[in-house]
PDB file of all heavy atoms in Angstrom:
ATOM      1  N   THR A   1     109.580  30.894 -23.370  1.00  0.00           N
ATOM      2  CA  THR A   1     108.408  31.469 -22.700  1.00  0.00           C
ATOM      3  C   THR A   1     108.448  31.153 -21.209  1.00  0.00           C
ATOM      4  O   THR A   1     109.250  30.331 -20.764  1.00  0.00           O
ATOM      5  CB  THR A   1     107.106  30.887 -23.299  1.00  0.00           C
ATOM      6  OG1 THR A   1     106.912  29.562 -22.782  1.00  0.00           O
ATOM      7  CG2 THR A   1     107.163  30.851 -24.817  1.00  0.00           C
ATOM      8  N   PRO A   2     107.574  31.756 -20.433  1.00  0.00           N
ATOM      9  CA  PRO A   2     107.499  31.426 -19.008  1.00  0.00           C
ATOM     10  C   PRO A   2     106.619  30.209 -18.726  1.00  0.00           C
ATOM     11  O   PRO A   2     106.241  29.963 -17.578  1.00  0.00           O
ATOM     12  CB  PRO A   2     106.876  32.686 -18.396  1.00  0.00           C
ATOM     13  CG  PRO A   2     106.013  33.235 -19.479  1.00  0.00           C
ATOM     14  CD  PRO A   2     106.719  32.920 -20.771  1.00  0.00           C
ATOM     15  N   TYR A   3     106.328  29.433 -19.760  1.00  0.00           N
ATOM     16  CA  TYR A   3     105.374  28.335 -19.604  1.00  0.00           C
ATOM     17  C   TYR A   3     106.068  26.969 -19.604  1.00  0.00           C
ATOM     18  O   TYR A   3     107.207  26.821 -20.038  1.00  0.00           O
ATOM     19  CB  TYR A   3     104.329  28.385 -20.727  1.00  0.00           C
ATOM     20  CG  TYR A   3     103.583  29.693 -20.775  1.00  0.00           C
ATOM     21  CD1 TYR A   3     103.310  30.308 -22.002  1.00  0.00           C
ATOM     22  CD2 TYR A   3     103.151  30.312 -19.606  1.00  0.00           C
ATOM     23  CE1 TYR A   3     102.630  31.506 -22.054  1.00  0.00           C
ATOM     24  CE2 TYR A   3     102.468  31.511 -19.659  1.00  0.00           C
ATOM     25  CZ  TYR A   3     102.218  32.114 -20.880  1.00  0.00           C
ATOM     26  OH  TYR A   3     101.547  33.295 -20.926  1.00  0.00           O
ATOM     27  N   TYR A   4     105.301  25.987 -19.136  1.00  0.00           N
ATOM     28  CA  TYR A   4     105.780  24.611 -19.039  1.00  0.00           C
ATOM     29  C   TYR A   4     104.710  23.664 -19.589  1.00  0.00           C
ATOM     30  O   TYR A   4     103.506  23.949 -19.512  1.00  0.00           O
ATOM     31  CB  TYR A   4     106.061  24.231 -17.575  1.00  0.00           C
ATOM     32  CG  TYR A   4     107.146  25.052 -16.934  1.00  0.00           C
ATOM     33  CD1 TYR A   4     106.862  26.313 -16.405  1.00  0.00           C
ATOM     34  CD2 TYR A   4     108.452  24.578 -16.859  1.00  0.00           C
ATOM     35  CE1 TYR A   4     107.848  27.081 -15.804  1.00  0.00           C
ATOM     36  CE2 TYR A   4     109.451  25.339 -16.259  1.00  0.00           C
ATOM     37  CZ  TYR A   4     109.142  26.592 -15.742  1.00  0.00           C
ATOM     38  OH  TYR A   4     110.129  27.345 -15.153  1.00  0.00           O
ATOM     39  N   ILE A   5     105.178  22.552 -20.144  1.00  0.00           N
ATOM     40  CA  ILE A   5     104.259  21.456 -20.468  1.00  0.00           C
ATOM     41  C   ILE A   5     104.252  20.514 -19.267  1.00  0.00           C
ATOM     42  O   ILE A   5     105.308  20.071 -18.810  1.00  0.00           O
ATOM     43  CB  ILE A   5     104.710  20.688 -21.727  1.00  0.00           C
ATOM     44  CG1 ILE A   5     104.885  21.631 -22.923  1.00  0.00           C
ATOM     45  CG2 ILE A   5     103.715  19.576 -22.058  1.00  0.00           C
ATOM     46  CD1 ILE A   5     105.526  20.976 -24.134  1.00  0.00           C
ATOM     47  N   ARG A   6     103.057  20.238 -18.752  1.00  0.00           N
ATOM     48  CA  ARG A   6     102.937  19.354 -17.594  1.00  0.00           C
ATOM     49  C   ARG A   6     102.015  18.178 -17.926  1.00  0.00           C
ATOM     50  O   ARG A   6     101.022  18.340 -18.634  1.00  0.00           O
ATOM     51  CB  ARG A   6     102.380  20.096 -16.372  1.00  0.00           C
ATOM     52  CG  ARG A   6     103.210  21.289 -15.919  1.00  0.00           C
ATOM     53  CD  ARG A   6     102.536  21.988 -14.752  1.00  0.00           C
ATOM     54  NE  ARG A   6     103.073  23.309 -14.533  1.00  0.00           N
ATOM     55  CZ  ARG A   6     103.964  23.645 -13.599  1.00  0.00           C
ATOM     56  NH1 ARG A   6     104.431  22.687 -12.789  1.00  0.00           N
ATOM     57  NH2 ARG A   6     104.393  24.880 -13.455  1.00  0.00           N
ATOM     58  N   ILE A   7     102.378  17.013 -17.404  1.00  0.00           N
ATOM     59  CA  ILE A   7     101.550  15.812 -17.517  1.00  0.00           C
ATOM     60  C   ILE A   7     101.147  15.391 -16.112  1.00  0.00           C
ATOM     61  O   ILE A   7     101.970  15.413 -15.183  1.00  0.00           O
ATOM     62  CB  ILE A   7     102.297  14.667 -18.226  1.00  0.00           C
ATOM     63  CG1 ILE A   7     102.656  15.073 -19.667  1.00  0.00           C
ATOM     64  CG2 ILE A   7     101.464  13.384 -18.245  1.00  0.00           C
ATOM     65  CD1 ILE A   7     103.524  14.064 -20.397  1.00  0.00           C
ATOM     66  N   TYR A   8      99.885  15.007 -15.963  1.00  0.00           N
ATOM     67  CA  TYR A   8      99.344  14.650 -14.650  1.00  0.00           C
ATOM     68  C   TYR A   8      98.836  13.215 -14.664  1.00  0.00           C
ATOM     69  O   TYR A   8      98.263  12.753 -15.656  1.00  0.00           O
ATOM     70  CB  TYR A   8      98.188  15.577 -14.267  1.00  0.00           C
ATOM     71  CG  TYR A   8      98.546  17.037 -14.291  1.00  0.00           C
ATOM     72  CD1 TYR A   8      98.456  17.767 -15.483  1.00  0.00           C
ATOM     73  CD2 TYR A   8      98.986  17.685 -13.142  1.00  0.00           C
ATOM     74  CE1 TYR A   8      98.793  19.117 -15.522  1.00  0.00           C
ATOM     75  CE2 TYR A   8      99.320  19.039 -13.169  1.00  0.00           C
ATOM     76  CZ  TYR A   8      99.221  19.742 -14.362  1.00  0.00           C
ATOM     77  OH  TYR A   8      99.562  21.074 -14.390  1.00  0.00           O
ATOM     78  N   ARG A   9      99.061  12.533 -13.539  1.00  0.00           N
ATOM     79  CA  ARG A   9      98.484  11.211 -13.319  1.00  0.00           C
ATOM     80  C   ARG A   9      97.528  11.317 -12.139  1.00  0.00           C
ATOM     81  O   ARG A   9      97.937  11.634 -11.026  1.00  0.00           O
ATOM     82  CB  ARG A   9      99.573  10.168 -13.030  1.00  0.00           C
ATOM     83  CG  ARG A   9      99.038   8.754 -12.768  1.00  0.00           C
ATOM     84  CD  ARG A   9     100.169   7.749 -12.687  1.00  0.00           C
ATOM     85  NE  ARG A   9      99.659   6.387 -12.489  1.00  0.00           N
ATOM     86  CZ  ARG A   9     100.367   5.282 -12.687  1.00  0.00           C
ATOM     87  NH1 ARG A   9     101.622   5.367 -13.094  1.00  0.00           N
ATOM     88  NH2 ARG A   9      99.832   4.093 -12.481  1.00  0.00           N
ATOM     89  N   ASN A  10      96.250  11.086 -12.428  1.00  0.00           N
ATOM     90  CA  ASN A  10      95.217  11.237 -11.393  1.00  0.00           C
ATOM     91  C   ASN A  10      95.326  12.591 -10.711  1.00  0.00           C
ATOM     92  O   ASN A  10      95.289  12.715  -9.473  1.00  0.00           O
ATOM     93  CB  ASN A  10      95.298  10.114 -10.365  1.00  0.00           C
ATOM     94  CG  ASN A  10      94.971   8.763 -10.963  1.00  0.00           C
ATOM     95  OD1 ASN A  10      94.230   8.663 -11.935  1.00  0.00           O
ATOM     96  ND2 ASN A  10      95.534   7.708 -10.388  1.00  0.00           N
ATOM     97  N   SER A  11      95.491  13.648 -11.533  1.00  0.00           N
ATOM     98  CA  SER A  11      95.513  15.056 -11.100  1.00  0.00           C
ATOM     99  C   SER A  11      96.784  15.451 -10.360  1.00  0.00           C
ATOM    100  O   SER A  11      96.912  16.597  -9.922  1.00  0.00           O
ATOM    101  CB  SER A  11      94.294  15.381 -10.221  1.00  0.00           C
ATOM    102  OG  SER A  11      93.093  15.146 -10.932  1.00  0.00           O
ATOM    103  N   THR A  12      97.735  14.524 -10.195  1.00  0.00           N
ATOM    104  CA  THR A  12      99.017  14.840  -9.565  1.00  0.00           C
ATOM    105  C   THR A  12     100.088  14.969 -10.633  1.00  0.00           C
ATOM    106  O   THR A  12     100.174  14.125 -11.534  1.00  0.00           O
ATOM    107  CB  THR A  12      99.419  13.745  -8.562  1.00  0.00           C
ATOM    108  OG1 THR A  12      98.424  13.657  -7.544  1.00  0.00           O
ATOM    109  CG2 THR A  12     100.765  14.049  -7.930  1.00  0.00           C
ATOM    110  N   GLN A  13     100.899  16.042 -10.549  1.00  0.00           N
ATOM    111  CA  GLN A  13     101.917  16.245 -11.572  1.00  0.00           C
ATOM    112  C   GLN A  13     102.818  15.022 -11.679  1.00  0.00           C
ATOM    113  O   GLN A  13     103.354  14.533 -10.691  1.00  0.00           O
ATOM    114  CB  GLN A  13     102.748  17.481 -11.252  1.00  0.00           C
ATOM    115  CG  GLN A  13     103.799  17.782 -12.329  1.00  0.00           C
ATOM    116  CD  GLN A  13     104.533  19.074 -12.070  1.00  0.00           C
ATOM    117  OE1 GLN A  13     103.950  20.148 -12.100  1.00  0.00           O
ATOM    118  NE2 GLN A  13     105.831  18.974 -11.782  1.00  0.00           N
ATOM    119  N   PHE A  14     102.985  14.542 -12.907  1.00  0.00           N
ATOM    120  CA  PHE A  14     103.734  13.320 -13.173  1.00  0.00           C
ATOM    121  C   PHE A  14     104.998  13.610 -13.978  1.00  0.00           C
ATOM    122  O   PHE A  14     105.976  12.882 -13.897  1.00  0.00           O
ATOM    123  CB  PHE A  14     102.831  12.345 -13.922  1.00  0.00           C
ATOM    124  CG  PHE A  14     103.318  10.939 -13.993  1.00  0.00           C
ATOM    125  CD1 PHE A  14     103.630  10.216 -12.844  1.00  0.00           C
ATOM    126  CD2 PHE A  14     103.463  10.301 -15.223  1.00  0.00           C
ATOM    127  CE1 PHE A  14     104.069   8.902 -12.919  1.00  0.00           C
ATOM    128  CE2 PHE A  14     103.898   8.991 -15.308  1.00  0.00           C
ATOM    129  CZ  PHE A  14     104.206   8.293 -14.149  1.00  0.00           C
ATOM    130  N   ALA A  15     104.975  14.690 -14.778  1.00  0.00           N
ATOM    131  CA  ALA A  15     106.139  15.093 -15.573  1.00  0.00           C
ATOM    132  C   ALA A  15     106.003  16.573 -15.900  1.00  0.00           C
ATOM    133  O   ALA A  15     104.894  17.103 -15.994  1.00  0.00           O
ATOM    134  CB  ALA A  15     106.233  14.273 -16.857  1.00  0.00           C
ATOM    135  N   ILE A  16     107.152  17.240 -16.059  1.00  0.00           N
ATOM    136  CA  ILE A  16     107.160  18.656 -16.415  1.00  0.00           C
ATOM    137  C   ILE A  16     108.332  18.906 -17.350  1.00  0.00           C
ATOM    138  O   ILE A  16     109.421  18.367 -17.160  1.00  0.00           O
ATOM    139  CB  ILE A  16     107.243  19.553 -15.165  1.00  0.00           C
ATOM    140  CG1 ILE A  16     107.211  21.034 -15.563  1.00  0.00           C
ATOM    141  CG2 ILE A  16     108.460  19.223 -14.322  1.00  0.00           C
ATOM    142  CD1 ILE A  16     107.074  21.963 -14.363  1.00  0.00           C
ATOM    143  N   CYS A  17     108.105  19.715 -18.387  1.00  0.00           N
ATOM    144  CA  CYS A  17     109.145  20.030 -19.369  1.00  0.00           C
ATOM    145  C   CYS A  17     109.126  21.536 -19.623  1.00  0.00           C
ATOM    146  O   CYS A  17     108.069  22.118 -19.894  1.00  0.00           O
ATOM    147  CB  CYS A  17     108.910  19.289 -20.675  1.00  0.00           C
ATOM    148  SG  CYS A  17     108.917  17.479 -20.497  1.00  0.00           S
ATOM    149  N   GLY A  18     110.325  22.163 -19.557  1.00  0.00           N
ATOM    150  CA  GLY A  18     110.420  23.606 -19.727  1.00  0.00           C
ATOM    151  C   GLY A  18     110.981  24.036 -21.054  1.00  0.00           C
ATOM    152  O   GLY A  18     111.124  25.243 -21.302  1.00  0.00           O
ATOM    153  N   THR A  19     111.326  23.069 -21.931  1.00  0.00           N
ATOM    154  CA  THR A  19     111.833  23.406 -23.262  1.00  0.00           C
ATOM    155  C   THR A  19     111.217  22.465 -24.278  1.00  0.00           C
ATOM    156  O   THR A  19     110.761  21.371 -23.942  1.00  0.00           O
ATOM    157  CB  THR A  19     113.367  23.294 -23.326  1.00  0.00           C
ATOM    158  OG1 THR A  19     113.748  21.955 -23.029  1.00  0.00           O
ATOM    159  CG2 THR A  19     114.025  24.246 -22.340  1.00  0.00           C
ATOM    160  N   GLY A  20     111.263  22.899 -25.534  1.00  0.00           N
ATOM    161  CA  GLY A  20     110.800  22.048 -26.618  1.00  0.00           C
ATOM    162  C   GLY A  20     109.292  22.058 -26.787  1.00  0.00           C
ATOM    163  O   GLY A  20     108.555  22.779 -26.104  1.00  0.00           O
ATOM    164  N   THR A  21     108.842  21.200 -27.680  1.00  0.00           N
ATOM    165  CA  THR A  21     107.410  21.119 -27.974  1.00  0.00           C
ATOM    166  C   THR A  21     106.783  19.832 -27.455  1.00  0.00           C
ATOM    167  O   THR A  21     105.566  19.686 -27.512  1.00  0.00           O
ATOM    168  CB  THR A  21     107.163  21.205 -29.495  1.00  0.00           C
ATOM    169  OG1 THR A  21     107.853  20.123 -30.142  1.00  0.00           O
ATOM    170  CG2 THR A  21     107.630  22.539 -30.049  1.00  0.00           C
ATOM    171  N   THR A  22     107.599  18.895 -26.982  1.00  0.00           N
ATOM    172  CA  THR A  22     107.045  17.634 -26.486  1.00  0.00           C
ATOM    173  C   THR A  22     107.525  17.357 -25.072  1.00  0.00           C
ATOM    174  O   THR A  22     108.622  17.769 -24.676  1.00  0.00           O
ATOM    175  CB  THR A  22     107.431  16.443 -27.383  1.00  0.00           C
ATOM    176  OG1 THR A  22     108.842  16.271 -27.370  1.00  0.00           O
ATOM    177  CG2 THR A  22     106.918  16.633 -28.799  1.00  0.00           C
ATOM    178  N   CYS A  23     106.690  16.633 -24.364  1.00  0.00           N
ATOM    179  CA  CYS A  23     107.019  16.189 -23.014  1.00  0.00           C
ATOM    180  C   CYS A  23     106.507  14.755 -22.892  1.00  0.00           C
ATOM    181  O   CYS A  23     105.313  14.510 -23.121  1.00  0.00           O
ATOM    182  CB  CYS A  23     106.348  17.089 -21.980  1.00  0.00           C
ATOM    183  SG  CYS A  23     106.881  16.808 -20.271  1.00  0.00           S
ATOM    184  N   SER A  24     107.394  13.826 -22.571  1.00  0.00           N
ATOM    185  CA  SER A  24     107.015  12.414 -22.543  1.00  0.00           C
ATOM    186  C   SER A  24     107.431  11.770 -21.234  1.00  0.00           C
ATOM    187  O   SER A  24     108.429  12.169 -20.617  1.00  0.00           O
ATOM    188  CB  SER A  24     107.654  11.654 -23.706  1.00  0.00           C
ATOM    189  OG  SER A  24     107.167  12.117 -24.946  1.00  0.00           O
ATOM    190  N   VAL A  25     106.673  10.735 -20.846  1.00  0.00           N
ATOM    191  CA  VAL A  25     106.986   9.986 -19.637  1.00  0.00           C
ATOM    192  C   VAL A  25     106.373   8.599 -19.772  1.00  0.00           C
ATOM    193  O   VAL A  25     105.335   8.432 -20.415  1.00  0.00           O
ATOM    194  CB  VAL A  25     106.462  10.714 -18.378  1.00  0.00           C
ATOM    195  CG1 VAL A  25     104.945  10.799 -18.374  1.00  0.00           C
ATOM    196  CG2 VAL A  25     106.973  10.056 -17.107  1.00  0.00           C
ATOM    197  N   ASP A  26     107.031   7.596 -19.188  1.00  0.00           N
ATOM    198  CA  ASP A  26     106.490   6.239 -19.184  1.00  0.00           C
ATOM    199  C   ASP A  26     105.767   5.980 -17.866  1.00  0.00           C
ATOM    200  O   ASP A  26     106.254   6.340 -16.796  1.00  0.00           O
ATOM    201  CB  ASP A  26     107.596   5.202 -19.357  1.00  0.00           C
ATOM    202  CG  ASP A  26     108.112   5.145 -20.780  1.00  0.00           C
ATOM    203  OD1 ASP A  26     107.353   5.517 -21.699  1.00  0.00           O
ATOM    204  OD2 ASP A  26     109.275   4.738 -20.980  1.00  0.00           O
ATOM    205  N   ALA A  27     104.614   5.356 -17.969  1.00  0.00           N
ATOM    206  CA  ALA A  27     103.838   4.983 -16.786  1.00  0.00           C
ATOM    207  C   ALA A  27     103.584   3.483 -16.830  1.00  0.00           C
ATOM    208  O   ALA A  27     103.367   2.914 -17.899  1.00  0.00           O
ATOM    209  CB  ALA A  27     102.523   5.743 -16.756  1.00  0.00           C
ATOM    210  N   THR A  28     103.603   2.842 -15.663  1.00  0.00           N
ATOM    211  CA  THR A  28     103.338   1.413 -15.618  1.00  0.00           C
ATOM    212  C   THR A  28     102.700   1.057 -14.295  1.00  0.00           C
ATOM    213  O   THR A  28     102.573   1.893 -13.391  1.00  0.00           O
ATOM    214  CB  THR A  28     104.637   0.602 -15.819  1.00  0.00           C
ATOM    215  OG1 THR A  28     104.308  -0.781 -15.980  1.00  0.00           O
ATOM    216  CG2 THR A  28     105.561   0.754 -14.628  1.00  0.00           C
ATOM    217  N   SER A  29     102.298  -0.191 -14.180  1.00  0.00           N
ATOM    218  CA  SER A  29     101.753  -0.706 -12.927  1.00  0.00           C
ATOM    219  C   SER A  29     102.069  -2.194 -12.853  1.00  0.00           C
ATOM    220  O   SER A  29     101.953  -2.910 -13.845  1.00  0.00           O
ATOM    221  CB  SER A  29     100.240  -0.483 -12.845  1.00  0.00           C
ATOM    222  OG  SER A  29      99.718  -1.052 -11.661  1.00  0.00           O
ATOM    223  N   SER A  30     102.465  -2.646 -11.673  1.00  0.00           N
ATOM    224  CA  SER A  30     102.766  -4.065 -11.487  1.00  0.00           C
ATOM    225  C   SER A  30     101.528  -4.870 -11.106  1.00  0.00           C
ATOM    226  O   SER A  30     101.584  -6.093 -11.009  1.00  0.00           O
ATOM    227  CB  SER A  30     103.833  -4.235 -10.400  1.00  0.00           C
ATOM    228  OG  SER A  30     103.364  -3.708  -9.162  1.00  0.00           O
ATOM    229  N   VAL A  31     100.412  -4.161 -10.900  1.00  0.00           N
ATOM    230  CA  VAL A  31      99.149  -4.814 -10.542  1.00  0.00           C
ATOM    231  C   VAL A  31      98.039  -4.259 -11.420  1.00  0.00           C
ATOM    232  O   VAL A  31      98.202  -3.228 -12.087  1.00  0.00           O
ATOM    233  CB  VAL A  31      98.799  -4.593  -9.054  1.00  0.00           C
ATOM    234  CG1 VAL A  31      99.836  -5.232  -8.152  1.00  0.00           C
ATOM    235  CG2 VAL A  31      98.658  -3.102  -8.740  1.00  0.00           C
ATOM    236  N   ILE A  32      96.901  -4.923 -11.425  1.00  0.00           N
ATOM    237  CA  ILE A  32      95.744  -4.422 -12.161  1.00  0.00           C
ATOM    238  C   ILE A  32      95.376  -3.047 -11.627  1.00  0.00           C
ATOM    239  O   ILE A  32      95.201  -2.864 -10.418  1.00  0.00           O
ATOM    240  CB  ILE A  32      94.562  -5.390 -12.035  1.00  0.00           C
ATOM    241  CG1 ILE A  32      94.926  -6.751 -12.646  1.00  0.00           C
ATOM    242  CG2 ILE A  32      93.326  -4.829 -12.693  1.00  0.00           C
ATOM    243  CD1 ILE A  32      93.910  -7.831 -12.377  1.00  0.00           C
ATOM    244  N   ASP A  33      95.267  -2.065 -12.516  1.00  0.00           N
ATOM    245  CA  ASP A  33      95.064  -0.694 -12.056  1.00  0.00           C
ATOM    246  C   ASP A  33      94.521   0.159 -13.200  1.00  0.00           C
ATOM    247  O   ASP A  33      94.550  -0.250 -14.377  1.00  0.00           O
ATOM    248  CB  ASP A  33      96.388  -0.108 -11.548  1.00  0.00           C
ATOM    249  CG  ASP A  33      96.205   1.146 -10.720  1.00  0.00           C
ATOM    250  OD1 ASP A  33      95.063   1.435 -10.322  1.00  0.00           O
ATOM    251  OD2 ASP A  33      97.214   1.851 -10.480  1.00  0.00           O
ATOM    252  N   SER A  34      94.039   1.327 -12.862  1.00  0.00           N
ATOM    253  CA  SER A  34      93.605   2.324 -13.834  1.00  0.00           C
ATOM    254  C   SER A  34      94.115   3.682 -13.386  1.00  0.00           C
ATOM    255  O   SER A  34      94.263   3.932 -12.183  1.00  0.00           O
ATOM    256  CB  SER A  34      92.079   2.374 -13.947  1.00  0.00           C
ATOM    257  OG  SER A  34      91.557   1.167 -14.434  1.00  0.00           O
ATOM    258  N   ALA A  35      94.379   4.560 -14.341  1.00  0.00           N
ATOM    259  CA  ALA A  35      94.823   5.911 -14.013  1.00  0.00           C
ATOM    260  C   ALA A  35      94.362   6.873 -15.097  1.00  0.00           C
ATOM    261  O   ALA A  35      94.315   6.518 -16.280  1.00  0.00           O
ATOM    262  CB  ALA A  35      96.340   5.967 -13.853  1.00  0.00           C
ATOM    263  N   TRP A  36      94.004   8.084 -14.658  1.00  0.00           N
ATOM    264  CA  TRP A  36      93.640   9.155 -15.595  1.00  0.00           C
ATOM    265  C   TRP A  36      94.862  10.014 -15.854  1.00  0.00           C
ATOM    266  O   TRP A  36      95.535  10.456 -14.914  1.00  0.00           O
ATOM    267  CB  TRP A  36      92.536  10.024 -15.002  1.00  0.00           C
ATOM    268  CG  TRP A  36      91.210   9.331 -14.885  1.00  0.00           C
ATOM    269  CD1 TRP A  36      90.708   8.674 -13.805  1.00  0.00           C
ATOM    270  CD2 TRP A  36      90.221   9.237 -15.913  1.00  0.00           C
ATOM    271  NE1 TRP A  36      89.466   8.168 -14.080  1.00  0.00           N
ATOM    272  CE2 TRP A  36      89.129   8.498 -15.373  1.00  0.00           C
ATOM    273  CE3 TRP A  36      90.139   9.686 -17.226  1.00  0.00           C
ATOM    274  CZ2 TRP A  36      87.985   8.213 -16.099  1.00  0.00           C
ATOM    275  CZ3 TRP A  36      88.996   9.412 -17.952  1.00  0.00           C
ATOM    276  CH2 TRP A  36      87.936   8.685 -17.394  1.00  0.00           C
TER     277      TRP A  36
END
């Protein structure tokens, strides 16, 4: 299809996948933090 699976961190694109049914990415922080 012409579509993509996208993952966003705090509304900024963090990962994009153009094939398959899953899209995964690891997120971390070295300091106390929160993210949407």
